[in-house]
Amino acid sequence: MATTFSTRILEELKLEIPSTQKCLERIEAKHFAFKPHPTSMEMGYLAVLVAQIPLWISYMIDVGEIDFKTFNQPEIKTNDDLVSYFEANLKKAEKSLNEATDEKLSGNFTLKNDGQELYSAPKKQDIATAINHWIHHRGQLTVYMRMNEIPVPSIYGPSADDRNF
């Protein structure tokens, strides 16, 4: 049974889904290797990250940790792969949030690399932070889109490419 906290997070997640999906739907594989700067992420990596962050929420609730060494990184080759991955991760996040209990939300979430702890914080704090992290990376993605003449969708208001509000 969802808690007040998980219901609030689920509502926020659902508010961000349409514009995030529109962004991801517009990223063609031919742009995956684009980097605006040598130290920047490739557009494909960034798009996969945006598609993946909802899965992190599921891991935070149900597993309590992510270890980069064993965390499954998908091979995304096409836009269809990217969008399908995003949709599957949303379903997992929604399921975890709908089934969250106070007990599941208690304790810490731990981030590891090859078993070594990198970071640990209360699950509720990290779930809320994951939403912010998701929005931040979607914002980065829109800059990459603009630099590649990919139409940027309306997100919190009209964009130069999408006047719908």
Protein backbone atom coordinates (compact mmCIF):
# COMPACT_ATOMS: atom_id res chain seq x y z
CA MET A 1 0.00 0.00 0.00
CA ALA A 2 1.42 3.37 -1.01
CA THR A 3 2.40 5.81 1.70
CA THR A 4 1.75 9.55 1.67
CA PHE A 5 5.40 10.04 0.71
CA SER A 6 5.34 7.52 -2.14
CA THR A 7 2.03 8.91 -3.43
CA ARG A 8 3.53 12.40 -3.55
CA ILE A 9 6.63 11.14 -5.39
CA LEU A 10 4.46 9.15 -7.81
CA GLU A 11 2.40 12.26 -8.57
CA GLU A 12 5.58 14.24 -9.24
CA LEU A 13 6.97 11.45 -11.42
CA LYS A 14 3.76 11.39 -13.46
CA LEU A 15 3.92 15.17 -13.97
CA GLU A 16 7.41 14.87 -15.45
CA ILE A 17 6.79 11.82 -17.66
CA PRO A 18 5.13 13.47 -20.71
CA SER A 19 7.84 16.05 -21.37
CA THR A 20 10.62 13.58 -20.61
CA GLN A 21 9.11 11.05 -23.01
CA LYS A 22 8.80 13.72 -25.72
CA CYS A 23 12.50 14.54 -25.31
CA LEU A 24 13.57 10.91 -25.51
CA GLU A 25 11.31 10.20 -28.50
CA ARG A 26 13.17 12.88 -30.46
CA ILE A 27 16.72 11.58 -29.91
CA GLU A 28 17.74 9.65 -33.02
CA ALA A 29 20.61 7.18 -32.90
CA LYS A 30 22.59 9.35 -35.32
CA HIS A 31 22.98 11.86 -32.45
CA PHE A 32 24.03 9.37 -29.75
CA ALA A 33 27.77 10.10 -30.15
CA PHE A 34 27.39 13.90 -29.98
CA LYS A 35 29.30 15.68 -27.20
CA PRO A 36 29.15 19.48 -26.82
CA HIS A 37 32.58 19.45 -25.18
CA PRO A 38 35.35 16.85 -24.80
CA THR A 39 34.59 16.51 -21.08
CA SER A 40 30.83 16.14 -21.61
CA MET A 41 28.80 12.95 -21.76
CA GLU A 42 27.75 11.66 -25.15
CA MET A 43 24.14 12.40 -25.97
CA GLY A 44 23.30 8.69 -26.09
CA TYR A 45 24.75 8.11 -22.62
CA LEU A 46 22.86 11.12 -21.28
CA ALA A 47 19.60 9.97 -22.90
CA VAL A 48 20.02 6.48 -21.39
CA LEU A 49 20.67 8.08 -18.01
CA VAL A 50 17.43 10.08 -18.29
CA ALA A 51 15.60 6.88 -19.30
CA GLN A 52 17.21 4.96 -16.44
CA ILE A 53 16.71 7.21 -13.42
CA PRO A 54 13.14 5.97 -12.76
CA LEU A 55 14.66 2.49 -12.37
CA TRP A 56 16.90 3.88 -9.62
CA ILE A 57 13.76 4.72 -7.64
CA SER A 58 12.67 1.10 -7.83
CA TYR A 59 16.11 -0.04 -6.65
CA MET A 60 16.07 2.49 -3.82
CA ILE A 61 12.77 1.13 -2.52
CA ASP A 62 13.05 -2.58 -3.23
CA VAL A 63 16.78 -3.37 -3.18
CA GLY A 64 18.29 -0.61 -1.08
CA GLU A 65 21.47 -0.36 -3.11
CA ILE A 66 23.02 -0.08 -6.54
CA ASP A 67 26.49 -1.39 -7.24
CA PHE A 68 27.87 0.04 -10.48
CA LYS A 69 29.89 -3.14 -11.06
CA THR A 70 26.81 -5.38 -11.17
CA PHE A 71 24.11 -2.88 -12.22
CA ASN A 72 22.83 -3.88 -15.65
CA GLN A 73 23.71 -1.21 -18.21
CA PRO A 74 21.62 -1.77 -21.34
CA GLU A 75 22.93 -1.60 -24.87
CA ILE A 76 20.72 1.01 -26.47
CA LYS A 77 21.23 1.07 -30.24
CA THR A 78 18.06 2.76 -31.51
CA ASN A 79 15.53 5.33 -30.49
CA ASP A 80 12.95 2.56 -30.12
CA ASP A 81 15.30 0.80 -27.67
CA LEU A 82 15.67 4.04 -25.71
CA VAL A 83 11.94 4.73 -25.46
CA SER A 84 11.14 1.10 -24.60
CA TYR A 85 13.78 1.14 -21.86
CA PHE A 86 12.29 4.35 -20.44
CA GLU A 87 8.75 2.93 -20.48
CA ALA A 88 9.86 -0.31 -18.78
CA ASN A 89 11.70 1.65 -16.09
CA LEU A 90 8.66 3.84 -15.47
CA LYS A 91 6.51 0.76 -14.91
CA LYS A 92 9.02 -0.56 -12.37
CA ALA A 93 9.18 2.78 -10.55
CA GLU A 94 5.40 3.11 -10.49
CA LYS A 95 5.01 -0.45 -9.19
CA SER A 96 7.58 0.10 -6.44
CA LEU A 97 6.02 3.41 -5.41
CA ASN A 98 2.50 1.94 -5.42
CA GLU A 99 3.65 -0.97 -3.25
CA ALA A 100 5.89 1.07 -0.95
CA THR A 101 5.35 0.71 2.78
CA ASP A 102 6.85 2.69 5.62
CA GLU A 103 9.06 -0.32 6.30
CA LYS A 104 10.34 -0.44 2.70
CA LEU A 105 11.04 3.29 2.80
CA SER A 106 12.94 3.16 6.08
CA GLY A 107 16.68 2.75 6.22
CA ASN A 108 19.30 3.91 3.81
CA PHE A 109 19.99 3.59 0.13
CA THR A 110 23.64 2.78 -0.60
CA LEU A 111 25.57 3.41 -3.78
CA LYS A 112 28.57 1.13 -4.33
CA ASN A 113 31.25 0.37 -6.87
CA ASP A 114 32.55 -3.20 -6.83
CA GLY A 115 31.30 -3.63 -3.28
CA GLN A 116 32.92 -0.46 -1.96
CA GLU A 117 30.46 2.01 -0.46
CA LEU A 118 30.51 5.37 -2.21
CA TYR A 119 27.49 6.95 -0.59
CA SER A 120 24.65 6.16 1.77
CA ALA A 121 21.65 8.27 2.76
CA PRO A 122 18.04 7.83 3.91
CA LYS A 123 15.89 6.27 1.19
CA LYS A 124 13.27 9.03 1.26
CA GLN A 125 15.94 11.68 0.83
CA ASP A 126 17.51 9.86 -2.09
CA ILE A 127 14.20 9.16 -3.81
CA ALA A 128 13.37 12.87 -3.74
CA THR A 129 16.89 13.68 -4.91
CA ALA A 130 16.52 11.18 -7.78
CA ILE A 131 13.58 13.17 -9.13
CA ASN A 132 15.67 16.36 -9.02
CA HIS A 133 18.59 14.52 -10.62
CA TRP A 134 16.27 13.28 -13.38
CA ILE A 135 14.98 16.79 -14.11
CA HIS A 136 18.53 18.18 -14.11
CA HIS A 137 19.73 15.65 -16.69
CA ARG A 138 16.63 16.17 -18.82
CA GLY A 139 17.54 19.87 -18.83
CA GLN A 140 21.04 19.00 -20.03
CA LEU A 141 19.49 16.82 -22.71
CA THR A 142 17.40 19.74 -24.00
CA VAL A 143 20.59 21.78 -24.47
CA TYR A 144 22.13 18.92 -26.47
CA MET A 145 18.90 18.77 -28.47
CA ARG A 146 19.00 22.49 -29.23
CA MET A 147 22.64 22.21 -30.35
CA ASN A 148 21.60 19.49 -32.81
CA GLU A 149 18.53 21.26 -34.18
CA ILE A 150 16.27 18.70 -32.50
CA PRO A 151 12.98 20.39 -31.58
CA VAL A 152 12.73 20.96 -27.83
CA PRO A 153 9.27 20.15 -26.45
CA SER A 154 7.27 22.32 -24.13
CA ILE A 155 8.27 21.35 -20.60
CA TYR A 156 7.09 23.88 -18.00
CA GLY A 157 5.86 26.28 -20.63
CA PRO A 158 6.22 26.88 -24.35
CA SER A 159 9.58 26.37 -26.06
CA ALA A 160 10.81 28.03 -29.24
CA ASP A 161 9.85 24.81 -31.04
CA ASP A 162 6.63 23.93 -29.24
CA ARG A 163 4.33 26.82 -28.43
CA ASN A 164 1.78 24.58 -26.71
CA PHE A 165 1.46 25.08 -23.00
